[in-house]
């Protein structure tokens, strides 16, 4: 069982202390980096003013990304369908040859 430790993280120049299990440290650091990047992009666009509003817009954008990925299953459905079609065509081409063996 993993123990939690507190660590300091920096998001848009502000330091936050968070508890994190040892085995999730790398994921937390990646999350912090991603959130910091998204918040800076929103702030730098100049369309949203104030840290709280920037944080809310970042949260909405990230939530939308997450839900879109879940709905699509985490991959490009169009490409998935094209791959299935190519596999089906390969199987259709190979089956007559297999029938000759039996």
Protein backbone atom coordinates (compact mmCIF):
# COMPACT_ATOMS: atom_id res chain seq x y z
CA UNK A 1 0.00 0.00 0.00
CA UNK A 2 1.33 3.38 -0.99
CA UNK A 3 1.70 6.22 1.49
CA UNK A 4 0.72 9.80 0.74
CA UNK A 5 3.18 12.63 1.06
CA UNK A 6 2.66 16.31 0.56
CA UNK A 7 4.46 18.07 -2.21
CA UNK A 8 4.57 21.60 -3.54
CA UNK A 9 3.44 22.27 -7.09
CA UNK A 10 3.45 25.48 -9.09
CA UNK A 11 0.56 26.54 -11.31
CA UNK A 12 0.73 29.89 -13.09
CA UNK A 13 3.31 31.17 -10.66
CA UNK A 14 1.37 30.20 -7.54
CA UNK A 15 2.53 27.45 -5.23
CA UNK A 16 0.12 24.83 -3.94
CA UNK A 17 0.71 22.06 -1.42
CA UNK A 18 -1.02 18.80 -2.30
CA UNK A 19 -1.10 15.30 -0.86
CA UNK A 20 -0.18 12.56 -3.28
CA UNK A 21 0.50 8.81 -2.96
CA UNK A 22 4.11 7.96 -3.80
CA UNK A 23 3.11 5.80 -6.75
CA UNK A 24 1.05 8.62 -8.34
CA UNK A 25 3.69 11.34 -8.11
CA UNK A 26 4.60 11.27 -11.81
CA UNK A 27 0.94 11.45 -12.88
CA UNK A 28 0.37 14.40 -10.56
CA UNK A 29 3.35 16.25 -12.02
CA UNK A 30 2.06 15.59 -15.54
CA UNK A 31 -1.38 16.85 -14.51
CA UNK A 32 0.10 19.99 -12.98
CA UNK A 33 2.10 20.64 -16.14
CA UNK A 34 -0.95 20.13 -18.35
CA UNK A 35 -3.16 22.37 -16.23
CA UNK A 36 -0.49 25.07 -16.06
CA UNK A 37 -0.14 24.97 -19.86
CA UNK A 38 -3.90 25.19 -20.43
CA UNK A 39 -4.33 28.05 -17.96
CA UNK A 40 -1.45 29.99 -19.52
CA UNK A 41 -2.94 29.51 -23.01
CA UNK A 42 -6.29 30.87 -21.83
CA UNK A 43 -4.70 33.78 -19.97
CA UNK A 44 -2.43 34.63 -22.90
CA UNK A 45 -5.37 34.65 -25.32
CA UNK A 46 -6.53 37.80 -23.54
CA UNK A 47 -10.18 36.76 -23.69
CA UNK A 48 -10.45 35.80 -20.01
CA UNK A 49 -9.32 37.99 -17.13
CA UNK A 50 -8.68 36.89 -13.55
CA UNK A 51 -7.11 33.75 -12.15
CA UNK A 52 -10.41 32.30 -10.98
CA UNK A 53 -12.05 32.70 -14.39
CA UNK A 54 -8.97 31.30 -16.13
CA UNK A 55 -9.07 28.26 -13.81
CA UNK A 56 -12.78 27.69 -14.49
CA UNK A 57 -12.31 27.96 -18.26
CA UNK A 58 -9.35 25.56 -18.09
CA UNK A 59 -11.43 23.12 -16.03
CA UNK A 60 -14.26 23.31 -18.58
CA UNK A 61 -11.88 22.77 -21.50
CA UNK A 62 -10.13 19.82 -19.83
CA UNK A 63 -13.46 18.27 -18.82
CA UNK A 64 -14.68 18.60 -22.40
CA UNK A 65 -11.51 16.88 -23.65
CA UNK A 66 -11.98 14.06 -21.13
CA UNK A 67 -15.65 13.50 -21.95
CA UNK A 68 -15.01 13.66 -25.69
CA UNK A 69 -12.28 11.05 -25.33
CA UNK A 70 -14.54 8.80 -23.24
CA UNK A 71 -17.40 9.09 -25.72
CA UNK A 72 -15.13 8.33 -28.66
CA UNK A 73 -13.39 5.58 -26.76
CA UNK A 74 -10.07 7.40 -26.72
CA UNK A 75 -9.30 7.07 -30.41
CA UNK A 76 -10.24 8.36 -33.84
CA UNK A 77 -13.42 6.50 -34.83
CA UNK A 78 -12.99 7.29 -38.52
CA UNK A 79 -9.51 5.79 -38.59
CA UNK A 80 -10.73 2.81 -36.58
CA UNK A 81 -13.49 2.13 -39.12
CA UNK A 82 -11.02 2.45 -42.02
CA UNK A 83 -8.71 -0.07 -40.34
CA UNK A 84 -11.61 -2.49 -39.83
CA UNK A 85 -12.55 -2.12 -43.51
CA UNK A 86 -8.95 -2.84 -44.58
CA UNK A 87 -8.82 -5.91 -42.31
CA UNK A 88 -12.14 -7.12 -43.71
CA UNK A 89 -10.86 -6.70 -47.26
CA UNK A 90 -7.68 -8.62 -46.39
CA UNK A 91 -9.75 -11.43 -44.87
CA UNK A 92 -12.06 -11.52 -47.89
CA UNK A 93 -9.03 -11.80 -50.18
CA UNK A 94 -7.41 -14.54 -48.06
CA UNK A 95 -10.49 -16.72 -47.56
CA UNK A 96 -10.78 -18.11 -51.14
CA UNK A 97 -7.15 -19.26 -50.89
CA UNK A 98 -7.89 -21.00 -47.59
CA UNK A 99 -10.90 -22.78 -49.08
CA UNK A 100 -8.61 -24.37 -51.68
CA UNK A 101 -6.55 -25.96 -48.87
CA UNK A 102 -9.48 -28.00 -47.58
